[in-house]
Protein backbone atom coordinates (compact mmCIF):
# COMPACT_ATOMS: atom_id res chain seq x y z
CA MET A 1 -12.50 3.72 8.50
CA ASN A 2 -11.59 6.20 11.19
CA ASN A 3 -8.76 8.73 10.88
CA THR A 4 -6.49 6.89 13.32
CA ARG A 5 -6.68 3.69 11.27
CA LYS A 6 -6.26 5.62 8.01
CA ASN A 7 -3.20 7.45 9.36
CA PHE A 8 -1.71 4.14 10.51
CA ILE A 9 -2.03 2.71 6.99
CA ILE A 10 -0.60 5.89 5.44
CA ASP A 11 2.39 5.71 7.79
CA TYR A 12 2.89 2.02 7.03
CA ILE A 13 2.87 2.60 3.25
CA GLN A 14 5.24 5.57 3.53
CA THR A 15 7.62 3.63 5.79
CA GLU A 16 7.71 0.68 3.38
CA ILE A 17 8.46 3.03 0.46
CA ASN A 18 11.12 4.90 2.44
CA ASP A 19 12.77 1.68 3.63
CA ARG A 20 12.65 -0.32 0.38
CA GLY A 21 11.91 2.24 -2.32
CA LEU A 22 10.01 1.78 -5.55
CA ASP A 23 11.51 -0.59 -8.10
CA GLU A 24 12.56 0.26 -11.67
CA ASN A 25 8.90 0.01 -12.73
CA ASN A 26 7.86 2.59 -10.11
CA GLN A 27 6.09 -0.04 -7.97
CA ILE A 28 6.35 -1.83 -4.63
CA GLN A 29 4.78 -4.99 -3.24
CA ILE A 30 3.52 -4.53 0.34
CA ASP A 31 2.14 -7.15 2.74
CA PHE A 32 -0.85 -5.78 4.66
CA SER A 33 -1.91 -9.13 6.17
CA GLY A 34 -2.60 -8.83 9.87
CA LEU A 35 -2.55 -5.02 9.69
CA CYS A 36 -5.80 -4.08 7.99
CA GLU A 37 -8.41 -5.22 5.54
CA ILE A 38 -7.19 -5.30 1.95
CA GLU A 39 -10.01 -2.95 0.93
CA GLU A 40 -8.77 -0.36 3.45
CA ALA A 41 -5.23 -0.61 2.08
CA GLU A 42 -6.52 -0.20 -1.49
CA GLU A 43 -8.56 2.85 -0.52
CA VAL A 44 -5.64 4.58 1.21
CA ALA A 45 -3.21 3.68 -1.57
CA LYS A 46 -5.54 5.26 -4.13
CA GLU A 47 -5.80 8.41 -1.99
CA LEU A 48 -1.99 8.55 -2.05
CA GLY A 49 -2.03 8.39 -5.86
CA PHE A 50 -1.23 4.71 -6.34
CA SER A 51 -3.01 2.13 -8.44
CA THR A 52 -3.19 -1.35 -6.93
CA GLU A 53 -3.08 -4.96 -8.10
CA PRO A 54 -3.15 -8.17 -6.05
CA GLY A 55 0.31 -9.39 -5.07
CA GLN A 56 1.61 -12.85 -4.25
CA GLY A 57 -0.10 -14.11 -1.10
CA GLN A 58 -3.12 -13.16 0.92
CA GLY A 59 -3.13 -9.52 2.01
CA VAL A 60 -0.39 -8.51 -0.42
CA LEU A 61 -0.77 -5.66 -2.91
CA TRP A 62 1.35 -4.16 -5.63
CA LEU A 63 1.21 -0.37 -5.43
CA TYR A 64 2.33 1.51 -8.49
CA LYS A 65 2.28 4.95 -10.03
CA GLU A 66 1.47 5.14 -13.69
CA ASP A 67 3.72 7.24 -15.91
């Protein structure tokens, strides 16, 4: 993954968090379908300090920070 693509995914994650915020369990469900490969999203999320789990639907991930 090149830096441009990585930065795009970082910006997308940060925008989703800024717009919708984390829920009471310190997590957010984000739809990456059509934007990038799910493996790329997982890699970037982990670099940002999030753990990931599959969400509802193809290309959807739960991102969460453990206590």
